[in-house]
Every structure is written in C-alpha cells, then in structure tokens.
Amino acid sequence: SSRPKKLLDIAHYMRSKLKQFNLPIGSDSIVPIIPIYTYSRLRTLIAVKMLFERGVYVNPVLPPAAPEGECLIRTSYMATHTYELLDEASTIIDDVLSTLPMDDEKLMELLNDE
C-alpha cells in the first residue's frame, strides 16, 4: 500500500486505541497528529518527562499556544511505525496519564515523594 494510505491507517488505528483507553483526545480529524488533553501546565510537563523516560516522545502544547487549563501533548505518527509499536506506545501513554492526578497540589505531592 502507498505511504499516505498507510499513514492514515496508522493514525486511525492509534486514534481508536487511545479512545479504548478513554483518553481525552482532540478532534476526530484523520491527520497523523493526535492531541491528548493533559489540562494543566504542570501535569503536561510531568507527563512529557515521564513518557520520554519510557521511550515515547511527545510535544507539549502550553499557553499561549493552548488556552490555560487546556494544555495537551501532541503525538505524531509516521508510515514506518508498526502496529506493535503503537500498541506499546498507547499502553504507556495510558499508564502515565492514568497515574497522574488532575490536581496540581496532588501532582506536587507526587513530585515530593520521588
């Protein structure tokens, strides 16, 4: 299959994986960039660091690029990504985001416990 078609398939696959985990993803477009809401600046930056440490590279989107309280991580995909890799990445993303409290005070406690 052609690379553009494969890329759309990969984006569609990952979007549905992230939805299965009930992650708050951005618009239902077909492009191979999927935003995932992380909400606060602090939660976003901690998520980016934790994901990077586990081998998942994402870009933080913070104010002024995103409204305060609507920060997100932007995940991008390539035609060369395998489904196995996407399964692993989506599991890691879910694992990291589900362990991070929404509340900044609780996040600070989590940081202090390390």
C-alpha atoms as a PDB file:
ATOM      1  CA  SER A   1       0.000   0.000   0.000  1.00  0.00           C
ATOM      2  CA  SER A   2       1.092   3.572  -0.520  1.00  0.00           C
ATOM      3  CA  ARG A   3       2.709   5.520   2.291  1.00  0.00           C
ATOM      4  CA  PRO A   4      -0.034   8.165   2.555  1.00  0.00           C
ATOM      5  CA  LYS A   5      -2.662   5.407   2.847  1.00  0.00           C
ATOM      6  CA  LYS A   6      -0.565   3.538   5.421  1.00  0.00           C
ATOM      7  CA  LEU A   7      -0.145   6.746   7.421  1.00  0.00           C
ATOM      8  CA  LEU A   8      -3.909   7.342   7.512  1.00  0.00           C
ATOM      9  CA  ASP A   9      -4.424   3.722   8.601  1.00  0.00           C
ATOM     10  CA  ILE A  10      -1.864   4.170  11.381  1.00  0.00           C
ATOM     11  CA  ALA A  11      -3.469   7.426  12.562  1.00  0.00           C
ATOM     12  CA  HIS A  12      -6.910   5.794  12.537  1.00  0.00           C
ATOM     13  CA  TYR A  13      -5.598   2.755  14.443  1.00  0.00           C
ATOM     14  CA  MET A  14      -3.902   4.874  17.101  1.00  0.00           C
ATOM     15  CA  ARG A  15      -6.915   7.155  17.480  1.00  0.00           C
ATOM     16  CA  SER A  16      -9.108   4.127  18.187  1.00  0.00           C
ATOM     17  CA  LYS A  17      -6.521   2.652  20.624  1.00  0.00           C
ATOM     18  CA  LEU A  18      -6.410   5.912  22.590  1.00  0.00           C
ATOM     19  CA  LYS A  19     -10.233   6.050  22.622  1.00  0.00           C
ATOM     20  CA  GLN A  20     -10.348   2.492  24.006  1.00  0.00           C
ATOM     21  CA  PHE A  21      -8.338   3.819  26.969  1.00  0.00           C
ATOM     22  CA  ASN A  22     -10.854   6.688  27.305  1.00  0.00           C
ATOM     23  CA  LEU A  23      -8.081   9.233  26.839  1.00  0.00           C
ATOM     24  CA  PRO A  24      -9.289  12.780  26.114  1.00  0.00           C
ATOM     25  CA  ILE A  25      -8.095  13.189  22.535  1.00  0.00           C
ATOM     26  CA  GLY A  26      -8.605  16.195  20.293  1.00  0.00           C
ATOM     27  CA  SER A  27     -10.726  16.446  17.165  1.00  0.00           C
ATOM     28  CA  ASP A  28     -11.675  13.474  15.037  1.00  0.00           C
ATOM     29  CA  SER A  29      -9.648  14.566  12.031  1.00  0.00           C
ATOM     30  CA  ILE A  30      -7.743  11.973  10.024  1.00  0.00           C
ATOM     31  CA  VAL A  31      -4.346  13.665  10.197  1.00  0.00           C
ATOM     32  CA  PRO A  32      -1.437  11.730  11.745  1.00  0.00           C
ATOM     33  CA  ILE A  33      -1.147  14.141  14.676  1.00  0.00           C
ATOM     34  CA  ILE A  34      -3.312  13.280  17.669  1.00  0.00           C
ATOM     35  CA  PRO A  35      -3.566  15.751  20.552  1.00  0.00           C
ATOM     36  CA  ILE A  36      -4.263  14.342  24.026  1.00  0.00           C
ATOM     37  CA  TYR A  37      -5.504  16.765  26.677  1.00  0.00           C
ATOM     38  CA  THR A  38      -3.392  16.909  29.837  1.00  0.00           C
ATOM     39  CA  TYR A  39      -5.027  20.137  31.105  1.00  0.00           C
ATOM     40  CA  SER A  40      -2.617  21.902  33.499  1.00  0.00           C
ATOM     41  CA  ARG A  41       0.886  23.083  32.581  1.00  0.00           C
ATOM     42  CA  LEU A  42       2.397  21.079  35.435  1.00  0.00           C
ATOM     43  CA  ARG A  43       0.601  17.849  34.530  1.00  0.00           C
ATOM     44  CA  THR A  44       1.602  18.332  30.882  1.00  0.00           C
ATOM     45  CA  LEU A  45       5.293  18.835  31.653  1.00  0.00           C
ATOM     46  CA  ILE A  46       5.418  15.895  34.071  1.00  0.00           C
ATOM     47  CA  ALA A  47       3.645  13.684  31.511  1.00  0.00           C
ATOM     48  CA  VAL A  48       6.119  14.665  28.762  1.00  0.00           C
ATOM     49  CA  LYS A  49       9.085  13.826  31.023  1.00  0.00           C
ATOM     50  CA  MET A  50       7.617  10.502  32.207  1.00  0.00           C
ATOM     51  CA  LEU A  51       6.700   9.472  28.658  1.00  0.00           C
ATOM     52  CA  PHE A  52      10.170  10.385  27.383  1.00  0.00           C
ATOM     53  CA  GLU A  53      11.752   8.288  30.145  1.00  0.00           C
ATOM     54  CA  ARG A  54       9.661   5.356  28.913  1.00  0.00           C
ATOM     55  CA  GLY A  55      10.604   5.853  25.258  1.00  0.00           C
ATOM     56  CA  VAL A  56       7.576   7.794  23.998  1.00  0.00           C
ATOM     57  CA  TYR A  57       8.401  11.198  22.501  1.00  0.00           C
ATOM     58  CA  VAL A  58       5.587  13.769  22.511  1.00  0.00           C
ATOM     59  CA  ASN A  59       5.424  17.557  22.212  1.00  0.00           C
ATOM     60  CA  PRO A  60       3.876  19.682  24.969  1.00  0.00           C
ATOM     61  CA  VAL A  61       1.428  22.407  23.906  1.00  0.00           C
ATOM     62  CA  LEU A  62       1.265  25.101  26.596  1.00  0.00           C
ATOM     63  CA  PRO A  63      -0.050  28.686  26.815  1.00  0.00           C
ATOM     64  CA  PRO A  64      -0.043  30.852  24.758  1.00  0.00           C
ATOM     65  CA  ALA A  65      -0.386  28.089  22.105  1.00  0.00           C
ATOM     66  CA  ALA A  66      -3.180  26.483  24.146  1.00  0.00           C
ATOM     67  CA  PRO A  67      -5.657  28.179  26.489  1.00  0.00           C
ATOM     68  CA  GLU A  68      -4.821  27.967  30.214  1.00  0.00           C
ATOM     69  CA  GLY A  69      -6.206  24.690  31.568  1.00  0.00           C
ATOM     70  CA  GLU A  70      -6.392  23.139  28.087  1.00  0.00           C
ATOM     71  CA  CYS A  71      -2.747  22.140  27.702  1.00  0.00           C
ATOM     72  CA  LEU A  72      -2.075  18.997  25.744  1.00  0.00           C
ATOM     73  CA  ILE A  73       0.545  16.650  24.420  1.00  0.00           C
ATOM     74  CA  ARG A  74       0.772  16.281  20.666  1.00  0.00           C
ATOM     75  CA  THR A  75       1.536  12.803  19.377  1.00  0.00           C
ATOM     76  CA  SER A  76       2.739  12.353  15.781  1.00  0.00           C
ATOM     77  CA  TYR A  77       2.904   9.276  13.601  1.00  0.00           C
ATOM     78  CA  MET A  78       4.893   8.039  10.614  1.00  0.00           C
ATOM     79  CA  ALA A  79       4.176   5.429   7.945  1.00  0.00           C
ATOM     80  CA  THR A  80       7.122   3.428   9.322  1.00  0.00           C
ATOM     81  CA  HIS A  81       5.532   2.951  12.761  1.00  0.00           C
ATOM     82  CA  THR A  82       4.405  -0.641  13.343  1.00  0.00           C
ATOM     83  CA  TYR A  83       1.139  -1.676  14.986  1.00  0.00           C
ATOM     84  CA  GLU A  84       3.169  -3.360  17.749  1.00  0.00           C
ATOM     85  CA  LEU A  85       4.884  -0.037  18.432  1.00  0.00           C
ATOM     86  CA  LEU A  86       1.530   1.772  18.502  1.00  0.00           C
ATOM     87  CA  ASP A  87       0.119  -0.794  20.942  1.00  0.00           C
ATOM     88  CA  GLU A  88       3.124  -0.321  23.206  1.00  0.00           C
ATOM     89  CA  ALA A  89       3.020   3.485  22.978  1.00  0.00           C
ATOM     90  CA  SER A  90      -0.736   3.704  23.637  1.00  0.00           C
ATOM     91  CA  THR A  91      -0.368   1.449  26.697  1.00  0.00           C
ATOM     92  CA  ILE A  92       2.481   3.605  28.045  1.00  0.00           C
ATOM     93  CA  ILE A  93       0.527   6.820  27.401  1.00  0.00           C
ATOM     94  CA  ASP A  94      -2.492   5.411  29.232  1.00  0.00           C
ATOM     95  CA  ASP A  95      -0.326   4.137  32.083  1.00  0.00           C
ATOM     96  CA  VAL A  96       1.396   7.502  32.573  1.00  0.00           C
ATOM     97  CA  LEU A  97      -1.723   9.662  32.257  1.00  0.00           C
ATOM     98  CA  SER A  98      -3.830   7.420  34.490  1.00  0.00           C
ATOM     99  CA  THR A  99      -1.238   7.674  37.288  1.00  0.00           C
ATOM    100  CA  LEU A 100      -1.049  11.488  37.164  1.00  0.00           C
ATOM    101  CA  PRO A 101      -3.594  13.282  39.359  1.00  0.00           C
ATOM    102  CA  MET A 102      -5.569  16.112  37.732  1.00  0.00           C
ATOM    103  CA  ASP A 103      -4.974  18.355  40.725  1.00  0.00           C
ATOM    104  CA  ASP A 104      -1.718  20.400  40.756  1.00  0.00           C
ATOM    105  CA  GLU A 105      -1.392  20.153  44.555  1.00  0.00           C
ATOM    106  CA  LYS A 106      -1.554  16.355  44.347  1.00  0.00           C
ATOM    107  CA  LEU A 107       0.959  16.456  41.499  1.00  0.00           C
ATOM    108  CA  MET A 108       3.339  18.445  43.704  1.00  0.00           C
ATOM    109  CA  GLU A 109       2.961  15.830  46.465  1.00  0.00           C
ATOM    110  CA  LEU A 110       3.759  13.125  43.908  1.00  0.00           C
ATOM    111  CA  LEU A 111       6.924  15.027  42.891  1.00  0.00           C
ATOM    112  CA  ASN A 112       7.983  15.472  46.504  1.00  0.00           C
ATOM    113  CA  ASP A 113       7.619  11.748  47.163  1.00  0.00           C
ATOM    114  CA  GLU A 114      10.178  10.844  44.491  1.00  0.00           C
END
